[in-house]
Amino acid sequence: MLLAAGTASRMGDGHAHKLLAEFDGMPLVRRLAAVALSVSAAPVVAVTGHRHREITSALCGLDLTVVYNPDFETGMASSLRVESAEKARWTAKMASPATFI
């Protein structure tokens, strides 16, 4: 799981966002996602919220699922609920009788 929904408020009131900051020409969020993909056998879910479009764009082309948390301003727990709901949806889909036809 990659939590990428926060407002990066500790970065100040400017337009900077820590997950979009580039290191060696790559946004931090993409670098984190690449590491998660390289070490995890499970599917990776990235939960976005604040600056959803920009973060989703930075993750474009990676083998992961991006889900949007509309309640990102309420805190990290809402992102955990969104990620959990996404995984539950996968489980339900995998267990569906139609899967075995």
Protein backbone atom coordinates (compact mmCIF):
# COMPACT_ATOMS: atom_id res chain seq x y z
CA MET A 1 0.00 0.00 0.00
CA LEU A 2 1.19 3.46 -0.86
CA LEU A 3 -0.51 6.29 1.01
CA ALA A 4 -0.33 9.34 -1.24
CA ALA A 5 -3.47 11.29 -0.31
CA GLY A 6 -2.19 13.87 2.17
CA THR A 7 -1.81 17.59 1.68
CA ALA A 8 1.91 17.69 2.58
CA SER A 9 1.05 20.52 4.96
CA ARG A 10 4.47 20.42 6.61
CA MET A 11 5.95 21.56 3.29
CA GLY A 12 4.43 25.02 3.88
CA ASP A 13 1.77 27.06 2.14
CA GLY A 14 3.53 27.15 -1.22
CA HIS A 15 2.80 24.83 -4.11
CA ALA A 16 5.46 22.28 -3.19
CA HIS A 17 4.34 18.74 -2.46
CA LYS A 18 6.83 16.27 -1.04
CA LEU A 19 5.54 13.33 -3.11
CA LEU A 20 5.95 15.31 -6.32
CA ALA A 21 9.43 16.58 -5.42
CA GLU A 22 11.97 15.15 -7.85
CA PHE A 23 15.07 13.25 -6.86
CA ASP A 24 17.45 12.37 -9.69
CA GLY A 25 14.70 13.41 -12.12
CA MET A 26 12.01 11.15 -10.62
CA PRO A 27 9.07 12.21 -8.40
CA LEU A 28 9.37 10.76 -4.89
CA VAL A 29 5.97 9.05 -5.17
CA ARG A 30 7.11 7.16 -8.28
CA ARG A 31 10.36 6.15 -6.60
CA LEU A 32 8.42 4.84 -3.56
CA ALA A 33 6.00 2.95 -5.81
CA ALA A 34 8.85 1.35 -7.74
CA VAL A 35 10.42 0.14 -4.49
CA ALA A 36 7.07 -1.23 -3.27
CA LEU A 37 6.59 -3.08 -6.55
CA SER A 38 10.08 -4.55 -6.40
CA VAL A 39 9.73 -6.00 -2.91
CA SER A 40 6.07 -7.03 -2.76
CA ALA A 41 4.49 -10.14 -4.21
CA ALA A 42 1.05 -8.67 -3.44
CA PRO A 43 -0.60 -6.09 -5.69
CA VAL A 44 0.27 -2.51 -4.80
CA VAL A 45 -2.53 -0.01 -4.18
CA ALA A 46 -1.77 3.71 -4.22
CA VAL A 47 -4.37 5.81 -2.40
CA THR A 48 -4.49 9.39 -3.66
CA GLY A 49 -6.45 12.43 -2.56
CA HIS A 50 -4.89 15.88 -2.56
CA ARG A 51 -3.36 16.62 -6.01
CA HIS A 52 -4.81 13.35 -7.28
CA ARG A 53 -4.23 14.11 -10.98
CA GLU A 54 -0.58 15.03 -10.56
CA ILE A 55 0.20 12.03 -8.37
CA THR A 56 -1.68 9.66 -10.67
CA SER A 57 0.27 11.09 -13.60
CA ALA A 58 3.55 10.51 -11.76
CA LEU A 59 2.54 6.84 -11.29
CA CYS A 60 1.50 6.34 -14.91
CA GLY A 61 2.81 3.14 -16.49
CA LEU A 62 3.51 1.32 -13.22
CA ASP A 63 1.79 -1.99 -12.47
CA LEU A 64 -0.33 -0.80 -9.58
CA THR A 65 -3.87 0.27 -8.80
CA VAL A 66 -4.64 3.90 -8.00
CA VAL A 67 -7.74 4.65 -5.92
CA TYR A 68 -9.02 8.08 -4.93
CA ASN A 69 -9.88 8.97 -1.34
CA PRO A 70 -12.50 11.75 -1.44
CA ASP A 71 -12.19 12.16 2.34
CA PHE A 72 -8.41 12.64 2.39
CA GLU A 73 -8.68 15.80 4.49
CA THR A 74 -10.04 13.76 7.42
CA GLY A 75 -6.73 11.98 7.90
CA MET A 76 -4.82 8.79 7.22
CA ALA A 77 -7.52 6.48 8.60
CA SER A 78 -9.79 7.37 5.68
CA SER A 79 -7.06 6.30 3.24
CA LEU A 80 -6.66 3.02 5.10
CA ARG A 81 -10.44 2.44 4.74
CA VAL A 82 -10.29 3.18 1.00
CA GLU A 83 -7.39 0.76 0.53
CA SER A 84 -9.15 -1.92 2.57
CA ALA A 85 -12.36 -1.51 0.55
CA GLU A 86 -10.38 -1.87 -2.70
CA LYS A 87 -8.78 -5.10 -1.53
CA ALA A 88 -12.17 -6.40 -0.35
CA ARG A 89 -13.54 -5.67 -3.82
CA TRP A 90 -10.71 -7.74 -5.34
CA THR A 91 -11.41 -10.60 -2.94
CA ALA A 92 -15.13 -10.57 -3.72
CA LYS A 93 -14.40 -10.54 -7.45
CA MET A 94 -11.94 -13.45 -7.12
CA ALA A 95 -14.46 -15.48 -5.09
CA SER A 96 -17.34 -14.82 -7.47
CA PRO A 97 -18.86 -18.02 -8.95
CA ALA A 98 -18.59 -16.43 -12.40
CA THR A 99 -14.83 -16.59 -12.02
CA PHE A 100 -14.93 -20.35 -12.21
CA ILE A 101 -17.15 -20.70 -15.28
